[in-house]
C-alpha atoms as a PDB file:
ATOM      1  CA  MET A   1     -60.027 199.222-194.184  1.00  0.00           C
ATOM      2  CA  ARG A   2     -56.350 199.403-194.554  1.00  0.00           C
ATOM      3  CA  SER A   3     -55.786 196.397-192.333  1.00  0.00           C
ATOM      4  CA  ASN A   4     -52.702 195.826-190.233  1.00  0.00           C
ATOM      5  CA  LEU A   5     -53.192 192.106-190.747  1.00  0.00           C
ATOM      6  CA  GLU A   6     -50.833 190.160-192.909  1.00  0.00           C
ATOM      7  CA  ARG A   7     -52.274 189.545-196.343  1.00  0.00           C
ATOM      8  CA  GLY A   8     -54.175 186.301-196.700  1.00  0.00           C
ATOM      9  CA  THR A   9     -55.144 186.083-193.019  1.00  0.00           C
ATOM     10  CA  LYS A  10     -58.177 186.655-190.795  1.00  0.00           C
ATOM     11  CA  SER A  11     -58.748 187.673-187.187  1.00  0.00           C
ATOM     12  CA  PHE A  12     -61.460 188.000-184.533  1.00  0.00           C
ATOM     13  CA  GLN A  13     -61.333 190.559-181.748  1.00  0.00           C
ATOM     14  CA  TYR A  14     -63.488 192.664-179.468  1.00  0.00           C
ATOM     15  CA  LEU A  15     -63.424 196.441-179.729  1.00  0.00           C
ATOM     16  CA  GLU A  16     -63.754 198.185-176.383  1.00  0.00           C
ATOM     17  CA  VAL A  17     -66.260 201.039-176.524  1.00  0.00           C
ATOM     18  CA  PRO A  18     -64.376 204.185-175.430  1.00  0.00           C
ATOM     19  CA  GLY A  19     -66.009 205.899-172.466  1.00  0.00           C
ATOM     20  CA  ALA A  20     -68.305 202.994-171.635  1.00  0.00           C
ATOM     21  CA  ALA A  21     -66.546 202.237-168.356  1.00  0.00           C
ATOM     22  CA  THR A  22     -67.654 205.588-166.913  1.00  0.00           C
ATOM     23  CA  GLU A  23     -71.129 205.660-168.536  1.00  0.00           C
ATOM     24  CA  ARG A  24     -73.706 205.977-165.743  1.00  0.00           C
ATOM     25  CA  ASN A  25     -77.020 205.160-167.405  1.00  0.00           C
ATOM     26  CA  PHE A  26     -76.809 201.361-167.514  1.00  0.00           C
ATOM     27  CA  VAL A  27     -79.900 199.519-166.339  1.00  0.00           C
ATOM     28  CA  ASN A  28     -79.931 195.876-165.279  1.00  0.00           C
ATOM     29  CA  ASN A  29     -83.177 193.924-165.270  1.00  0.00           C
ATOM     30  CA  PRO A  30     -82.670 190.529-163.634  1.00  0.00           C
ATOM     31  CA  LEU A  31     -85.572 189.137-165.674  1.00  0.00           C
ATOM     32  CA  PHE A  32     -83.446 189.473-168.788  1.00  0.00           C
ATOM     33  CA  GLY A  33     -80.152 188.152-167.514  1.00  0.00           C
ATOM     34  CA  PRO A  34     -77.272 188.635-165.090  1.00  0.00           C
ATOM     35  CA  PRO A  35     -75.713 192.013-164.363  1.00  0.00           C
ATOM     36  CA  ARG A  36     -73.477 193.182-167.169  1.00  0.00           C
ATOM     37  CA  PRO A  37     -70.040 194.762-166.755  1.00  0.00           C
ATOM     38  CA  ARG A  38     -69.840 198.519-166.966  1.00  0.00           C
ATOM     39  CA  THR A  39     -67.467 198.240-169.883  1.00  0.00           C
ATOM     40  CA  ALA A  40     -68.912 197.452-173.305  1.00  0.00           C
ATOM     41  CA  ARG A  41     -67.411 195.544-176.216  1.00  0.00           C
ATOM     42  CA  MET A  42     -68.298 194.930-179.830  1.00  0.00           C
ATOM     43  CA  PRO A  43     -67.074 191.877-181.790  1.00  0.00           C
ATOM     44  CA  MET A  44     -65.228 192.567-185.020  1.00  0.00           C
ATOM     45  CA  MET A  45     -63.920 190.139-187.631  1.00  0.00           C
ATOM     46  CA  GLN A  46     -61.428 190.957-190.348  1.00  0.00           C
ATOM     47  CA  VAL A  47     -60.552 188.995-193.452  1.00  0.00           C
ATOM     48  CA  ASN A  48     -57.546 190.517-195.195  1.00  0.00           C
ATOM     49  CA  GLY A  49     -57.382 189.202-198.728  1.00  0.00           C
ATOM     50  CA  ALA A  50     -54.220 188.071-200.424  1.00  0.00           C
ATOM     51  CA  HIS A  51     -54.870 190.483-203.302  1.00  0.00           C
ATOM     52  CA  GLU A  52     -55.626 194.204-203.692  1.00  0.00           C
ATOM     53  CA  GLY A  53     -59.279 195.228-203.730  1.00  0.00           C
ATOM     54  CA  PRO A  54     -61.993 197.228-201.984  1.00  0.00           C
ATOM     55  CA  SER A  55     -62.921 197.210-198.320  1.00  0.00           C
ATOM     56  CA  LEU A  56     -66.422 195.920-197.609  1.00  0.00           C
ATOM     57  CA  CYS A  57     -68.047 196.400-194.199  1.00  0.00           C
ATOM     58  CA  ILE A  58     -70.762 193.919-193.252  1.00  0.00           C
ATOM     59  CA  MET A  59     -72.647 194.550-190.036  1.00  0.00           C
ATOM     60  CA  ALA A  60     -75.544 192.797-188.345  1.00  0.00           C
ATOM     61  CA  GLY A  61     -77.259 192.697-184.984  1.00  0.00           C
ATOM     62  CA  MET A  62     -78.093 196.382-184.796  1.00  0.00           C
ATOM     63  CA  HIS A  63     -81.464 194.901-183.874  1.00  0.00           C
ATOM     64  CA  ALA A  64     -80.146 191.859-182.101  1.00  0.00           C
ATOM     65  CA  CYS A  65     -83.098 189.460-182.421  1.00  0.00           C
ATOM     66  CA  GLU A  66     -82.796 189.448-186.224  1.00  0.00           C
ATOM     67  CA  TYR A  67     -80.903 186.185-186.231  1.00  0.00           C
ATOM     68  CA  PRO A  68     -80.541 185.164-189.929  1.00  0.00           C
ATOM     69  CA  SER A  69     -78.545 188.351-190.537  1.00  0.00           C
ATOM     70  CA  ILE A  70     -76.243 187.614-187.575  1.00  0.00           C
ATOM     71  CA  ASP A  71     -75.837 184.030-188.737  1.00  0.00           C
ATOM     72  CA  ALA A  72     -74.967 185.157-192.272  1.00  0.00           C
ATOM     73  CA  ALA A  73     -72.349 187.614-191.018  1.00  0.00           C
ATOM     74  CA  ILE A  74     -70.656 184.895-188.965  1.00  0.00           C
ATOM     75  CA  LYS A  75     -70.795 182.375-191.820  1.00  0.00           C
ATOM     76  CA  THR A  76     -69.295 184.898-194.230  1.00  0.00           C
ATOM     77  CA  TYR A  77     -66.309 185.208-191.911  1.00  0.00           C
ATOM     78  CA  THR A  78     -65.867 181.482-191.336  1.00  0.00           C
ATOM     79  CA  ASP A  79     -66.420 180.499-194.983  1.00  0.00           C
ATOM     80  CA  THR A  80     -64.281 183.144-196.700  1.00  0.00           C
ATOM     81  CA  ASP A  81     -60.789 181.984-197.633  1.00  0.00           C
ATOM     82  CA  PRO A  82     -58.520 185.038-197.410  1.00  0.00           C
ATOM     83  CA  ARG A  83     -56.081 183.459-199.839  1.00  0.00           C
ATOM     84  CA  SER A  84     -58.631 183.790-202.648  1.00  0.00           C
ATOM     85  CA  LEU A  85     -60.027 187.167-201.591  1.00  0.00           C
ATOM     86  CA  SER A  86     -59.245 190.505-203.231  1.00  0.00           C
ATOM     87  CA  GLY A  87     -59.594 193.376-200.793  1.00  0.00           C
ATOM     88  CA  ASN A  88     -60.804 192.861-197.274  1.00  0.00           C
ATOM     89  CA  LEU A  89     -63.893 192.328-195.169  1.00  0.00           C
ATOM     90  CA  ILE A  90     -64.725 194.125-191.940  1.00  0.00           C
ATOM     91  CA  ILE A  91     -67.532 192.218-190.240  1.00  0.00           C
ATOM     92  CA  VAL A  92     -69.390 193.246-187.092  1.00  0.00           C
ATOM     93  CA  PRO A  93     -71.730 190.280-186.457  1.00  0.00           C
ATOM     94  CA  VAL A  94     -73.521 191.841-183.463  1.00  0.00           C
ATOM     95  CA  VAL A  95     -73.521 195.602-183.013  1.00  0.00           C
ATOM     96  CA  ASN A  96     -75.941 195.558-180.077  1.00  0.00           C
ATOM     97  CA  LEU A  97     -74.351 192.958-177.819  1.00  0.00           C
ATOM     98  CA  ALA A  98     -76.360 193.880-174.705  1.00  0.00           C
ATOM     99  CA  ALA A  99     -79.601 193.302-176.632  1.00  0.00           C
ATOM    100  CA  PHE A 100     -78.266 190.037-178.064  1.00  0.00           C
ATOM    101  CA  TRP A 101     -77.548 188.461-174.681  1.00  0.00           C
ATOM    102  CA  THR A 102     -80.781 189.723-173.103  1.00  0.00           C
ATOM    103  CA  ARG A 103     -82.918 188.843-176.160  1.00  0.00           C
ATOM    104  CA  THR A 104     -84.174 192.420-176.391  1.00  0.00           C
ATOM    105  CA  PRO A 105     -85.798 193.491-179.690  1.00  0.00           C
ATOM    106  CA  TYR A 106     -85.059 196.786-181.425  1.00  0.00           C
ATOM    107  CA  LEU A 107     -83.332 198.749-178.651  1.00  0.00           C
ATOM    108  CA  ASN A 108     -80.235 198.700-176.476  1.00  0.00           C
ATOM    109  CA  PRO A 109     -81.509 197.682-173.009  1.00  0.00           C
ATOM    110  CA  ASP A 110     -78.778 199.716-171.355  1.00  0.00           C
ATOM    111  CA  ASP A 111     -80.315 203.049-172.379  1.00  0.00           C
ATOM    112  CA  GLY A 112     -83.446 202.324-174.436  1.00  0.00           C
ATOM    113  CA  MET A 113     -81.956 203.712-177.669  1.00  0.00           C
ATOM    114  CA  ASP A 114     -81.849 202.420-181.231  1.00  0.00           C
ATOM    115  CA  ILE A 115     -78.112 202.506-182.004  1.00  0.00           C
ATOM    116  CA  GLY A 116     -78.851 203.081-185.689  1.00  0.00           C
ATOM    117  CA  ALA A 117     -80.201 206.533-184.833  1.00  0.00           C
ATOM    118  CA  THR A 118     -76.979 207.712-183.173  1.00  0.00           C
ATOM    119  CA  TYR A 119     -74.432 207.842-186.016  1.00  0.00           C
ATOM    120  CA  HIS A 120     -74.250 211.602-186.450  1.00  0.00           C
ATOM    121  CA  VAL A 121     -75.766 212.756-183.176  1.00  0.00           C
ATOM    122  CA  GLU A 122     -73.864 213.744-180.078  1.00  0.00           C
ATOM    123  CA  GLY A 123     -74.893 211.991-176.886  1.00  0.00           C
ATOM    124  CA  SER A 124     -73.407 210.540-173.723  1.00  0.00           C
ATOM    125  CA  THR A 125     -75.246 207.258-173.190  1.00  0.00           C
ATOM    126  CA  ILE A 126     -73.876 203.904-174.285  1.00  0.00           C
ATOM    127  CA  SER A 127     -75.705 203.724-177.628  1.00  0.00           C
ATOM    128  CA  TYR A 128     -74.174 207.024-178.707  1.00  0.00           C
ATOM    129  CA  LEU A 129     -70.742 205.733-177.697  1.00  0.00           C
ATOM    130  CA  ILE A 130     -71.266 202.580-179.770  1.00  0.00           C
ATOM    131  CA  GLY A 131     -72.423 204.679-182.730  1.00  0.00           C
ATOM    132  CA  LYS A 132     -69.320 206.829-182.433  1.00  0.00           C
ATOM    133  CA  LEU A 133     -67.121 203.712-182.307  1.00  0.00           C
ATOM    134  CA  LEU A 134     -68.747 202.373-185.472  1.00  0.00           C
ATOM    135  CA  ARG A 135     -68.325 205.684-187.259  1.00  0.00           C
ATOM    136  CA  GLU A 136     -64.715 206.294-186.243  1.00  0.00           C
ATOM    137  CA  GLN A 137     -63.197 202.801-186.171  1.00  0.00           C
ATOM    138  CA  VAL A 138     -65.313 200.744-188.580  1.00  0.00           C
ATOM    139  CA  PHE A 139     -67.125 202.817-191.205  1.00  0.00           C
ATOM    140  CA  SER A 140     -64.145 205.143-191.665  1.00  0.00           C
ATOM    141  CA  GLN A 141     -62.147 202.184-192.993  1.00  0.00           C
ATOM    142  CA  ALA A 142     -64.792 200.955-195.464  1.00  0.00           C
ATOM    143  CA  ASP A 143     -65.424 201.656-199.133  1.00  0.00           C
ATOM    144  CA  TYR A 144     -68.890 200.043-199.019  1.00  0.00           C
ATOM    145  CA  ILE A 145     -71.331 199.094-196.248  1.00  0.00           C
ATOM    146  CA  VAL A 146     -73.897 196.299-196.128  1.00  0.00           C
ATOM    147  CA  ASP A 147     -76.241 196.618-193.129  1.00  0.00           C
ATOM    148  CA  LEU A 148     -78.017 193.299-192.478  1.00  0.00           C
ATOM    149  CA  HIS A 149     -81.464 193.145-190.875  1.00  0.00           C
ATOM    150  CA  GLY A 150     -84.637 191.107-190.970  1.00  0.00           C
ATOM    151  CA  GLY A 151     -87.692 190.119-189.009  1.00  0.00           C
ATOM    152  CA  ASP A 152     -87.474 191.096-185.351  1.00  0.00           C
ATOM    153  CA  VAL A 153     -89.548 189.171-182.806  1.00  0.00           C
ATOM    154  CA  MET A 154     -92.875 190.768-183.812  1.00  0.00           C
ATOM    155  CA  GLU A 155     -92.253 191.106-187.556  1.00  0.00           C
ATOM    156  CA  ASP A 156     -92.826 189.130-190.733  1.00  0.00           C
ATOM    157  CA  VAL A 157     -91.070 191.057-193.490  1.00  0.00           C
ATOM    158  CA  VAL A 158     -90.529 190.654-197.227  1.00  0.00           C
ATOM    159  CA  PRO A 159     -86.876 189.865-198.058  1.00  0.00           C
ATOM    160  CA  HIS A 160     -85.522 192.921-199.818  1.00  0.00           C
ATOM    161  CA  ALA A 161     -82.600 195.285-200.151  1.00  0.00           C
ATOM    162  CA  GLY A 162     -82.872 199.039-200.079  1.00  0.00           C
ATOM    163  CA  PHE A 163     -80.890 202.231-200.403  1.00  0.00           C
ATOM    164  CA  THR A 164     -81.317 205.917-199.680  1.00  0.00           C
ATOM    165  CA  ARG A 165     -80.438 208.656-202.121  1.00  0.00           C
ATOM    166  CA  ILE A 166     -78.422 211.337-200.329  1.00  0.00           C
ATOM    167  CA  GLY A 167     -77.996 213.715-203.275  1.00  0.00           C
ATOM    168  CA  ASP A 168     -74.450 212.685-204.233  1.00  0.00           C
ATOM    169  CA  LYS A 169     -74.635 211.142-207.717  1.00  0.00           C
ATOM    170  CA  GLU A 170     -71.588 208.898-207.379  1.00  0.00           C
ATOM    171  CA  ILE A 171     -72.563 207.556-203.964  1.00  0.00           C
ATOM    172  CA  ASP A 172     -76.225 207.186-204.919  1.00  0.00           C
ATOM    173  CA  GLU A 173     -75.344 205.128-208.004  1.00  0.00           C
ATOM    174  CA  ALA A 174     -73.010 202.888-206.008  1.00  0.00           C
ATOM    175  CA  SER A 175     -75.652 202.411-203.285  1.00  0.00           C
ATOM    176  CA  GLU A 176     -78.243 201.463-205.898  1.00  0.00           C
ATOM    177  CA  MET A 177     -75.785 198.964-207.376  1.00  0.00           C
ATOM    178  CA  LEU A 178     -75.327 197.337-203.963  1.00  0.00           C
ATOM    179  CA  ALA A 179     -79.083 197.099-203.370  1.00  0.00           C
ATOM    180  CA  ARG A 180     -79.888 195.692-206.814  1.00  0.00           C
ATOM    181  CA  THR A 181     -76.937 193.308-206.722  1.00  0.00           C
ATOM    182  CA  TYR A 182     -78.136 191.785-203.453  1.00  0.00           C
ATOM    183  CA  GLY A 183     -80.459 189.825-205.689  1.00  0.00           C
ATOM    184  CA  THR A 184     -83.835 190.091-203.954  1.00  0.00           C
ATOM    185  CA  GLN A 185     -86.989 190.401-206.035  1.00  0.00           C
ATOM    186  CA  TYR A 186     -87.921 193.663-204.314  1.00  0.00           C
ATOM    187  CA  VAL A 187     -85.653 196.686-204.030  1.00  0.00           C
ATOM    188  CA  PHE A 188     -86.710 199.710-201.989  1.00  0.00           C
ATOM    189  CA  GLU A 189     -85.487 203.149-203.031  1.00  0.00           C
ATOM    190  CA  ARG A 190     -85.868 205.766-200.339  1.00  0.00           C
ATOM    191  CA  LEU A 191     -85.860 209.450-201.213  1.00  0.00           C
ATOM    192  CA  GLU A 192     -85.262 211.143-197.900  1.00  0.00           C
ATOM    193  CA  LYS A 193     -84.547 214.826-197.506  1.00  0.00           C
ATOM    194  CA  GLY A 194     -81.534 215.367-195.281  1.00  0.00           C
ATOM    195  CA  ALA A 195     -80.528 211.688-195.348  1.00  0.00           C
ATOM    196  CA  PHE A 196     -76.822 212.467-195.261  1.00  0.00           C
ATOM    197  CA  GLU A 197     -77.215 214.896-192.380  1.00  0.00           C
ATOM    198  CA  LYS A 198     -79.169 212.285-190.415  1.00  0.00           C
ATOM    199  CA  SER A 199     -76.578 209.539-190.815  1.00  0.00           C
ATOM    200  CA  GLY A 200     -73.342 211.441-191.383  1.00  0.00           C
ATOM    201  CA  LEU A 201     -72.213 208.658-193.721  1.00  0.00           C
ATOM    202  CA  ARG A 202     -70.910 209.527-197.162  1.00  0.00           C
ATOM    203  CA  ILE A 203     -70.253 205.897-198.072  1.00  0.00           C
ATOM    204  CA  PRO A 204     -72.201 203.718-200.554  1.00  0.00           C
ATOM    205  CA  ARG A 205     -74.392 201.356-198.584  1.00  0.00           C
ATOM    206  CA  THR A 206     -77.423 199.122-198.663  1.00  0.00           C
ATOM    207  CA  LEU A 207     -79.728 197.828-195.966  1.00  0.00           C
ATOM    208  CA  ALA A 208     -80.864 194.251-196.591  1.00  0.00           C
ATOM    209  CA  GLU A 209     -83.696 192.444-194.795  1.00  0.00           C
ATOM    210  CA  ALA A 210     -84.481 188.723-194.578  1.00  0.00           C
ATOM    211  CA  GLY A 211     -85.926 187.088-191.485  1.00  0.00           C
ATOM    212  CA  ARG A 212     -89.102 186.736-189.483  1.00  0.00           C
ATOM    213  CA  GLU A 213     -90.348 186.736-185.908  1.00  0.00           C
ATOM    214  CA  GLY A 214     -86.985 186.363-184.225  1.00  0.00           C
ATOM    215  CA  ARG A 215     -86.363 182.930-185.723  1.00  0.00           C
ATOM    216  CA  LEU A 216     -83.103 181.489-186.978  1.00  0.00           C
ATOM    217  CA  GLU A 217     -84.117 179.797-190.240  1.00  0.00           C
ATOM    218  CA  PRO A 218     -81.507 178.463-192.694  1.00  0.00           C
ATOM    219  CA  GLU A 219     -83.444 179.472-195.803  1.00  0.00           C
ATOM    220  CA  LEU A 220     -83.442 183.101-194.683  1.00  0.00           C
ATOM    221  CA  THR A 221     -79.785 183.013-193.703  1.00  0.00           C
ATOM    222  CA  ALA A 222     -79.254 181.762-197.275  1.00  0.00           C
ATOM    223  CA  VAL A 223     -80.900 184.908-198.677  1.00  0.00           C
ATOM    224  CA  HIS A 224     -78.279 187.023-196.921  1.00  0.00           C
ATOM    225  CA  LEU A 225     -75.400 184.741-197.870  1.00  0.00           C
ATOM    226  CA  LYS A 226     -76.385 184.895-201.521  1.00  0.00           C
ATOM    227  CA  GLY A 227     -76.697 188.676-201.351  1.00  0.00           C
ATOM    228  CA  ILE A 228     -73.289 189.116-199.743  1.00  0.00           C
ATOM    229  CA  SER A 229     -71.731 186.760-202.275  1.00  0.00           C
ATOM    230  CA  ASN A 230     -73.383 188.693-205.120  1.00  0.00           C
ATOM    231  CA  ILE A 231     -71.917 191.969-203.871  1.00  0.00           C
ATOM    232  CA  MET A 232     -68.464 190.467-203.392  1.00  0.00           C
ATOM    233  CA  LYS A 233     -68.603 189.147-206.963  1.00  0.00           C
ATOM    234  CA  ALA A 234     -69.744 192.517-208.327  1.00  0.00           C
ATOM    235  CA  LEU A 235     -66.867 194.244-206.521  1.00  0.00           C
ATOM    236  CA  LYS A 236     -64.421 191.649-207.937  1.00  0.00           C
ATOM    237  CA  MET A 237     -63.517 190.495-204.451  1.00  0.00           C
ATOM    238  CA  ILE A 238     -64.241 186.877-205.349  1.00  0.00           C
ATOM    239  CA  ASP A 239     -64.675 185.074-208.656  1.00  0.00           C
ATOM    240  CA  GLY A 240     -68.062 184.646-210.260  1.00  0.00           C
ATOM    241  CA  THR A 241     -71.054 186.517-211.650  1.00  0.00           C
ATOM    242  CA  PRO A 242     -73.839 187.845-209.416  1.00  0.00           C
ATOM    243  CA  ASP A 243     -77.145 185.943-209.608  1.00  0.00           C
ATOM    244  CA  ILE A 244     -79.772 188.683-209.940  1.00  0.00           C
ATOM    245  CA  PRO A 245     -83.454 188.252-210.910  1.00  0.00           C
ATOM    246  CA  SER A 246     -84.205 189.455-214.418  1.00  0.00           C
ATOM    247  CA  ALA A 247     -87.324 191.320-213.276  1.00  0.00           C
ATOM    248  CA  GLN A 248     -86.662 193.122-210.008  1.00  0.00           C
ATOM    249  CA  VAL A 249     -89.420 195.359-208.663  1.00  0.00           C
ATOM    250  CA  VAL A 250     -88.319 198.752-207.368  1.00  0.00           C
ATOM    251  CA  MET A 251     -90.616 200.335-204.780  1.00  0.00           C
ATOM    252  CA  HIS A 252     -90.406 204.082-204.177  1.00  0.00           C
ATOM    253  CA  GLY A 253     -92.566 204.749-201.172  1.00  0.00           C
ATOM    254  CA  ARG A 254     -94.483 203.201-198.327  1.00  0.00           C
ATOM    255  CA  TYR A 255     -97.111 203.933-195.738  1.00  0.00           C
ATOM    256  CA  GLU A 256     -97.954 202.533-192.323  1.00  0.00           C
ATOM    257  CA  ILE A 257    -101.252 201.409-190.829  1.00  0.00           C
ATOM    258  CA  PHE A 258    -102.073 201.773-187.136  1.00  0.00           C
ATOM    259  CA  VAL A 259    -105.086 200.541-185.168  1.00  0.00           C
ATOM    260  CA  ARG A 260    -107.503 202.527-183.020  1.00  0.00           C
ATOM    261  CA  SER A 261    -108.723 199.730-180.745  1.00  0.00           C
ATOM    262  CA  ALA A 262    -107.300 197.424-178.079  1.00  0.00           C
ATOM    263  CA  GLY A 263    -107.817 193.706-178.593  1.00  0.00           C
ATOM    264  CA  LEU A 264    -106.667 190.623-180.503  1.00  0.00           C
ATOM    265  CA  PHE A 265    -105.295 191.147-184.010  1.00  0.00           C
ATOM    266  CA  TYR A 266    -106.513 188.883-186.819  1.00  0.00           C
ATOM    267  CA  PRO A 267    -104.630 189.669-190.064  1.00  0.00           C
ATOM    268  CA  SER A 268    -106.181 188.460-193.311  1.00  0.00           C
ATOM    269  CA  VAL A 269    -103.174 189.180-195.535  1.00  0.00           C
ATOM    270  CA  ARG A 270     -99.557 188.081-195.448  1.00  0.00           C
ATOM    271  CA  MET A 271     -96.294 189.777-196.221  1.00  0.00           C
ATOM    272  CA  ALA A 272     -95.732 190.110-200.004  1.00  0.00           C
ATOM    273  CA  ASP A 273     -99.488 190.068-200.732  1.00  0.00           C
ATOM    274  CA  HIS A 274    -100.651 192.611-203.312  1.00  0.00           C
ATOM    275  CA  ILE A 275    -103.532 194.703-201.991  1.00  0.00           C
ATOM    276  CA  ARG A 276    -106.024 197.196-203.425  1.00  0.00           C
ATOM    277  CA  LYS A 277    -107.506 200.315-201.908  1.00  0.00           C
ATOM    278  CA  GLY A 278    -110.521 199.307-199.827  1.00  0.00           C
ATOM    279  CA  ASP A 279    -109.375 195.740-199.131  1.00  0.00           C
ATOM    280  CA  VAL A 280    -109.970 194.401-195.620  1.00  0.00           C
ATOM    281  CA  LEU A 281    -106.502 193.581-194.276  1.00  0.00           C
ATOM    282  CA  GLY A 282    -107.596 192.275-190.881  1.00  0.00           C
ATOM    283  CA  GLU A 283    -109.557 193.148-187.799  1.00  0.00           C
ATOM    284  CA  ILE A 284    -109.346 193.735-184.067  1.00  0.00           C
ATOM    285  CA  ARG A 285    -111.670 191.719-181.811  1.00  0.00           C
ATOM    286  CA  ASP A 286    -112.388 192.085-178.120  1.00  0.00           C
ATOM    287  CA  LEU A 287    -112.325 189.329-175.511  1.00  0.00           C
ATOM    288  CA  GLU A 288    -115.990 188.608-176.171  1.00  0.00           C
ATOM    289  CA  GLY A 289    -115.132 187.844-179.801  1.00  0.00           C
ATOM    290  CA  ARG A 290    -116.809 190.943-181.210  1.00  0.00           C
ATOM    291  CA  THR A 291    -115.196 192.846-184.068  1.00  0.00           C
ATOM    292  CA  LEU A 292    -114.154 196.267-182.843  1.00  0.00           C
ATOM    293  CA  GLU A 293    -112.384 197.474-185.946  1.00  0.00           C
ATOM    294  CA  GLN A 294    -111.794 196.438-189.531  1.00  0.00           C
ATOM    295  CA  ILE A 295    -108.426 197.423-190.969  1.00  0.00           C
ATOM    296  CA  ILE A 296    -108.965 198.849-194.455  1.00  0.00           C
ATOM    297  CA  ALA A 297    -106.251 199.530-197.052  1.00  0.00           C
ATOM    298  CA  PRO A 298    -106.236 203.254-197.871  1.00  0.00           C
ATOM    299  CA  LYS A 299    -104.139 202.751-201.030  1.00  0.00           C
ATOM    300  CA  ASP A 300    -102.904 200.056-203.411  1.00  0.00           C
ATOM    301  CA  GLY A 301     -99.602 198.390-202.615  1.00  0.00           C
ATOM    302  CA  VAL A 302     -97.655 195.358-201.468  1.00  0.00           C
ATOM    303  CA  VAL A 303     -97.552 194.206-197.851  1.00  0.00           C
ATOM    304  CA  LEU A 304     -93.957 194.821-196.775  1.00  0.00           C
ATOM    305  CA  LEU A 305     -94.347 193.937-193.095  1.00  0.00           C
ATOM    306  CA  VAL A 306     -96.894 192.434-190.734  1.00  0.00           C
ATOM    307  CA  MET A 307     -96.555 193.069-187.010  1.00  0.00           C
ATOM    308  CA  THR A 308     -97.552 189.582-185.907  1.00  0.00           C
ATOM    309  CA  ASN A 309     -97.886 190.045-182.137  1.00  0.00           C
ATOM    310  CA  PRO A 310    -101.556 189.268-181.416  1.00  0.00           C
ATOM    311  CA  VAL A 311    -102.315 191.779-178.634  1.00  0.00           C
ATOM    312  CA  LYS A 312    -102.759 195.328-179.874  1.00  0.00           C
ATOM    313  CA  HIS A 313    -103.275 198.661-178.165  1.00  0.00           C
ATOM    314  CA  PRO A 314    -104.578 201.878-179.731  1.00  0.00           C
ATOM    315  CA  ASP A 315    -102.018 203.434-182.100  1.00  0.00           C
ATOM    316  CA  ASP A 316    -100.068 200.175-182.480  1.00  0.00           C
ATOM    317  CA  LEU A 317     -98.484 199.550-185.871  1.00  0.00           C
ATOM    318  CA  VAL A 318     -99.951 196.562-187.733  1.00  0.00           C
ATOM    319  CA  PHE A 319     -98.751 196.855-191.365  1.00  0.00           C
ATOM    320  CA  LYS A 320     -96.161 198.582-193.507  1.00  0.00           C
ATOM    321  CA  ILE A 321     -97.230 198.800-197.145  1.00  0.00           C
ATOM    322  CA  TRP A 322     -95.038 199.513-200.150  1.00  0.00           C
ATOM    323  CA  MET A 323     -96.406 201.755-202.880  1.00  0.00           C
ATOM    324  CA  TYR A 324     -95.496 201.346-206.532  1.00  0.00           C
END
């Protein structure tokens, strides 16, 4: 971002979402909190370094119950001294503010949308307006993007960083650098046809996950803080050398496991466990205690995510598994 701030300074402000005041699809549920104003805002922090350098966008709270990522974004702002920074930081600590205040996982409660799916799609509801604001006023000013996530209220997930190849060699190499530099043991490389068309973003970026079950845990905030620091060091924004494991594991695919039965879920594996085809990963039992279904691994892999909520319905997701 080519900031209007004086060099060596920082600021906090709220961006008003254009068009939100006339948006007519808001829903208020008094169980989740008080009525919200018909306008919508998004917090944005800027740290304008004293020296020339790149512009790094850090965003969190797209899924607003993933608290270590939000915490790390805020701490990066408060702990960064602009006088020793080269370049500048654009930090959005909570993209989905309505979900944050109502403690709503995954979606924007005002229209039931995942804001992350709206970047390059036209739409009139509030999530589309927020996506447009991000695209036009935040991402457009960034040279690199770090999208922080991790462990919504029903998830236990392996800390990792990932990137998607969009078919542009220069951007793909820079995105891979960001993901590897984050410093997690596991790196996920996604090969997705039409990735650029889906997001509309031709900017190097990584998505980093660390967190579990909607908790705010310092050791998982620390994973994000280390990753952000590593990237800032690699981009020469701050002094130092990134701390990266010597033997990172790059995963290139994944599959998901769903259940057929309704009942209580008893997992027998944890996130990061290595599994083999045919292993029993858990079971579903009814209210009489009988086993209705055993969950069997169809392929080898590593448990990326466990959906830890105990009550399951048919077709509910229970595991995401990485493949080598």
